[in-house]
Each structure stands twice: as structure tokens, then as C-alpha cells.
Amino acid sequence: MKLLFQLLGLVGTVVLLGLATLLFQLINHSWILILLLVSAYVIGKLLQKRATSEYMKALGWGIRWGGVASFLLFMGVISYLYIR
């Protein structure tokens, strides 16, 4: 069950940040997108640290690493767009 919460946080964060990027066209404003990704990491870290339930800690872990995965995806997309 803990793994389910970790995956839920990870996939949910990546999907929400991806939708925000497409919806608000944040690819043109990379500093806002980087701020969003860093805030997802910080929120996940705080949730992981302050939560009393194991499930909320697992969700915090997923949000934290979802922010990292989104950052890596963003850097990959930006690199692809500028190389092409």
C-alpha cells in the first residue's frame, strides 16, 4: 500500500506539472517552470518530514521525486528543442 502512495505522488506530480506546462505554455517562461519544479520538490520534502502517517510520508516521497523527474524531463525537452 505504501508503494501505491509513492507511485500516486510521483505520477500525479509529473502529470500535473506536465499539464501546467502545456496549459500555460510555460515552456516559453522557463524560470516559472523551474520555480514550480523546485516548489514541488520542497513541498514533497516537507510533507515527507512533517507527516505523522506512513502513507503521507510515502506520498511526500512521490511528490518530491516527481518534482525531480519533471525537472529532468523539462531539461530533456529544452535540450531537444534547442539542439533541433
N, C-alpha and C. Protein backbone atom coordinates (compact mmCIF):
# COMPACT_ATOMS: atom_id res chain seq x y z
N MET A 1 0.82 -1.19 0.00
CA MET A 1 0.00 0.00 0.00
C MET A 1 0.87 1.26 0.00
N LYS A 2 1.99 1.20 0.69
CA LYS A 2 2.90 2.34 0.74
C LYS A 2 3.45 2.63 -0.66
N LEU A 3 3.77 1.58 -1.40
CA LEU A 3 4.28 1.74 -2.76
C LEU A 3 3.24 2.41 -3.66
N LEU A 4 1.97 2.10 -3.43
CA LEU A 4 0.90 2.71 -4.21
C LEU A 4 0.86 4.22 -3.99
N PHE A 5 1.03 4.65 -2.75
CA PHE A 5 1.04 6.08 -2.45
C PHE A 5 2.27 6.76 -3.05
N GLN A 6 3.40 6.08 -3.04
CA GLN A 6 4.60 6.64 -3.65
C GLN A 6 4.40 6.83 -5.15
N LEU A 7 3.86 5.81 -5.81
CA LEU A 7 3.62 5.91 -7.24
C LEU A 7 2.55 6.95 -7.56
N LEU A 8 1.53 7.03 -6.72
CA LEU A 8 0.48 8.03 -6.91
C LEU A 8 1.05 9.44 -6.85
N GLY A 9 1.89 9.70 -5.86
CA GLY A 9 2.51 11.02 -5.75
C GLY A 9 3.44 11.31 -6.90
N LEU A 10 4.23 10.32 -7.31
CA LEU A 10 5.19 10.50 -8.40
C LEU A 10 4.48 10.78 -9.72
N VAL A 11 3.56 9.91 -10.08
CA VAL A 11 2.86 10.06 -11.36
C VAL A 11 1.96 11.31 -11.35
N GLY A 12 1.29 11.53 -10.24
CA GLY A 12 0.43 12.71 -10.14
C GLY A 12 1.19 14.01 -10.29
N THR A 13 2.35 14.09 -9.68
CA THR A 13 3.16 15.30 -9.78
C THR A 13 3.65 15.52 -11.20
N VAL A 14 4.16 14.46 -11.83
CA VAL A 14 4.66 14.59 -13.20
C VAL A 14 3.53 14.99 -14.15
N VAL A 15 2.36 14.38 -13.99
CA VAL A 15 1.23 14.70 -14.86
C VAL A 15 0.75 16.12 -14.64
N LEU A 16 0.60 16.53 -13.38
CA LEU A 16 0.12 17.89 -13.11
C LEU A 16 1.10 18.95 -13.60
N LEU A 17 2.39 18.74 -13.39
CA LEU A 17 3.36 19.72 -13.88
C LEU A 17 3.42 19.72 -15.40
N GLY A 18 3.24 18.56 -16.02
CA GLY A 18 3.20 18.50 -17.48
C GLY A 18 1.99 19.22 -18.04
N LEU A 19 0.84 19.02 -17.40
CA LEU A 19 -0.37 19.73 -17.85
C LEU A 19 -0.25 21.23 -17.65
N ALA A 20 0.35 21.65 -16.54
CA ALA A 20 0.56 23.08 -16.31
C ALA A 20 1.47 23.66 -17.38
N THR A 21 2.48 22.90 -17.78
CA THR A 21 3.40 23.36 -18.82
C THR A 21 2.67 23.54 -20.14
N LEU A 22 1.83 22.58 -20.50
CA LEU A 22 1.10 22.68 -21.76
C LEU A 22 0.01 23.74 -21.71
N LEU A 23 -0.72 23.78 -20.60
CA LEU A 23 -1.85 24.69 -20.50
C LEU A 23 -1.43 26.15 -20.46
N PHE A 24 -0.42 26.46 -19.69
CA PHE A 24 0.01 27.85 -19.53
C PHE A 24 1.19 28.20 -20.42
N GLN A 25 1.60 27.28 -21.28
CA GLN A 25 2.73 27.47 -22.19
C GLN A 25 3.97 27.96 -21.45
N LEU A 26 4.29 27.23 -20.38
CA LEU A 26 5.42 27.62 -19.54
C LEU A 26 6.76 27.30 -20.19
N ILE A 27 6.75 26.59 -21.31
CA ILE A 27 7.99 26.27 -21.97
C ILE A 27 8.68 27.56 -22.43
N ASN A 28 7.89 28.63 -22.66
CA ASN A 28 8.45 29.92 -23.05
C ASN A 28 8.96 30.71 -21.86
N HIS A 29 8.54 30.34 -20.67
CA HIS A 29 8.95 31.04 -19.45
C HIS A 29 9.61 30.02 -18.52
N SER A 30 10.83 29.68 -18.82
CA SER A 30 11.47 28.58 -18.12
C SER A 30 11.71 28.87 -16.64
N TRP A 31 11.87 30.13 -16.26
CA TRP A 31 12.14 30.43 -14.85
C TRP A 31 10.92 30.11 -13.99
N ILE A 32 9.71 30.34 -14.52
CA ILE A 32 8.49 29.99 -13.77
C ILE A 32 8.38 28.48 -13.63
N LEU A 33 8.71 27.77 -14.71
CA LEU A 33 8.63 26.31 -14.67
C LEU A 33 9.64 25.74 -13.69
N ILE A 34 10.85 26.28 -13.67
CA ILE A 34 11.85 25.80 -12.72
C ILE A 34 11.40 26.09 -11.29
N LEU A 35 10.80 27.25 -11.07
CA LEU A 35 10.27 27.58 -9.74
C LEU A 35 9.17 26.60 -9.33
N LEU A 36 8.31 26.22 -10.26
CA LEU A 36 7.26 25.23 -9.98
C LEU A 36 7.86 23.88 -9.62
N LEU A 37 8.89 23.46 -10.35
CA LEU A 37 9.51 22.16 -10.11
C LEU A 37 10.23 22.13 -8.77
N VAL A 38 10.92 23.21 -8.45
CA VAL A 38 11.62 23.27 -7.16
C VAL A 38 10.61 23.30 -6.02
N SER A 39 9.51 24.02 -6.20
CA SER A 39 8.50 24.05 -5.14
C SER A 39 7.85 22.69 -4.94
N ALA A 40 7.68 21.91 -6.00
CA ALA A 40 7.16 20.55 -5.85
C ALA A 40 8.13 19.71 -5.03
N TYR A 41 9.42 19.85 -5.27
CA TYR A 41 10.43 19.12 -4.50
C TYR A 41 10.37 19.52 -3.03
N VAL A 42 10.29 20.82 -2.77
CA VAL A 42 10.28 21.31 -1.39
C VAL A 42 9.01 20.88 -0.66
N ILE A 43 7.87 20.96 -1.33
CA ILE A 43 6.60 20.53 -0.71
C ILE A 43 6.65 19.05 -0.38
N GLY A 44 7.18 18.25 -1.30
CA GLY A 44 7.31 16.82 -1.04
C GLY A 44 8.24 16.53 0.12
N LYS A 45 9.34 17.27 0.18
CA LYS A 45 10.30 17.07 1.28
C LYS A 45 9.68 17.45 2.62
N LEU A 46 8.96 18.57 2.65
CA LEU A 46 8.31 18.98 3.90
C LEU A 46 7.23 17.99 4.32
N LEU A 47 6.45 17.51 3.36
CA LEU A 47 5.42 16.53 3.67
C LEU A 47 6.04 15.24 4.18
N GLN A 48 7.14 14.86 3.57
CA GLN A 48 7.83 13.64 3.99
C GLN A 48 8.39 13.79 5.41
N LYS A 49 8.85 14.97 5.73
CA LYS A 49 9.47 15.21 7.03
C LYS A 49 8.45 15.41 8.15
N ARG A 50 7.36 16.11 7.87
CA ARG A 50 6.41 16.51 8.91
C ARG A 50 5.22 15.58 9.08
N ALA A 51 5.00 14.69 8.15
CA ALA A 51 3.81 13.83 8.20
C ALA A 51 3.91 12.84 9.36
N THR A 52 2.78 12.53 9.94
CA THR A 52 2.74 11.56 11.04
C THR A 52 2.39 10.17 10.53
N SER A 53 1.68 10.09 9.43
CA SER A 53 1.27 8.81 8.87
C SER A 53 2.31 8.31 7.86
N GLU A 54 2.50 7.02 7.82
CA GLU A 54 3.44 6.43 6.85
C GLU A 54 2.96 6.65 5.42
N TYR A 55 1.65 6.67 5.23
CA TYR A 55 1.12 6.87 3.88
C TYR A 55 1.36 8.29 3.39
N MET A 56 1.24 9.26 4.28
CA MET A 56 1.51 10.64 3.88
C MET A 56 3.00 10.85 3.63
N LYS A 57 3.84 10.17 4.40
CA LYS A 57 5.28 10.23 4.13
C LYS A 57 5.59 9.63 2.77
N ALA A 58 4.91 8.54 2.44
CA ALA A 58 5.11 7.91 1.12
C ALA A 58 4.63 8.84 0.01
N LEU A 59 3.51 9.53 0.24
CA LEU A 59 3.02 10.49 -0.74
C LEU A 59 4.00 11.65 -0.90
N GLY A 60 4.59 12.10 0.20
CA GLY A 60 5.61 13.14 0.14
C GLY A 60 6.82 12.70 -0.66
N TRP A 61 7.21 11.44 -0.48
CA TRP A 61 8.33 10.90 -1.26
C TRP A 61 8.01 10.95 -2.75
N GLY A 62 6.78 10.55 -3.10
CA GLY A 62 6.38 10.56 -4.50
C GLY A 62 6.35 11.96 -5.09
N ILE A 63 5.84 12.92 -4.33
CA ILE A 63 5.79 14.30 -4.81
C ILE A 63 7.21 14.84 -4.97
N ARG A 64 8.07 14.54 -4.01
CA ARG A 64 9.45 15.01 -4.06
C ARG A 64 10.16 14.50 -5.31
N TRP A 65 10.10 13.22 -5.55
CA TRP A 65 10.80 12.65 -6.69
C TRP A 65 10.05 12.89 -7.99
N GLY A 66 8.77 13.17 -7.91
CA GLY A 66 8.03 13.61 -9.10
C GLY A 66 8.52 14.97 -9.57
N GLY A 67 8.86 15.84 -8.63
CA GLY A 67 9.46 17.13 -8.99
C GLY A 67 10.80 16.96 -9.65
N VAL A 68 11.60 16.02 -9.15
CA VAL A 68 12.91 15.74 -9.76
C VAL A 68 12.73 15.17 -11.16
N ALA A 69 11.82 14.21 -11.30
CA ALA A 69 11.58 13.61 -12.62
C ALA A 69 11.06 14.64 -13.61
N SER A 70 10.20 15.53 -13.16
CA SER A 70 9.68 16.58 -14.03
C SER A 70 10.79 17.53 -14.45
N PHE A 71 11.69 17.83 -13.54
CA PHE A 71 12.82 18.70 -13.86
C PHE A 71 13.70 18.06 -14.92
N LEU A 72 13.98 16.77 -14.78
CA LEU A 72 14.80 16.07 -15.76
C LEU A 72 14.10 16.01 -17.12
N LEU A 73 12.80 15.75 -17.12
CA LEU A 73 12.04 15.76 -18.38
C LEU A 73 12.06 17.14 -19.03
N PHE A 74 11.90 18.17 -18.22
CA PHE A 74 11.93 19.54 -18.73
C PHE A 74 13.28 19.85 -19.36
N MET A 75 14.36 19.47 -18.68
CA MET A 75 15.69 19.72 -19.24
C MET A 75 15.91 18.94 -20.53
N GLY A 76 15.39 17.74 -20.59
CA GLY A 76 15.49 16.95 -21.82
C GLY A 76 14.74 17.59 -22.97
N VAL A 77 13.53 18.08 -22.69
CA VAL A 77 12.73 18.73 -23.74
C VAL A 77 13.39 20.01 -24.21
N ILE A 78 13.87 20.81 -23.27
CA ILE A 78 14.54 22.07 -23.63
C ILE A 78 15.79 21.78 -24.46
N SER A 79 16.57 20.79 -24.05
CA SER A 79 17.77 20.43 -24.80
C SER A 79 17.41 19.99 -26.21
N TYR A 80 16.37 19.19 -26.34
CA TYR A 80 15.93 18.71 -27.65
C TYR A 80 15.49 19.88 -28.53
N LEU A 81 14.74 20.82 -27.96
CA LEU A 81 14.24 21.94 -28.75
C LEU A 81 15.36 22.86 -29.21
N TYR A 82 16.37 23.06 -28.37
CA TYR A 82 17.45 23.96 -28.75
C TYR A 82 18.48 23.29 -29.65
N ILE A 83 18.63 21.98 -29.55
CA ILE A 83 19.56 21.27 -30.43
C ILE A 83 18.96 21.16 -31.83
N ARG A 84 17.67 20.92 -31.89
CA ARG A 84 16.99 20.76 -33.17
C ARG A 84 16.93 22.07 -33.85
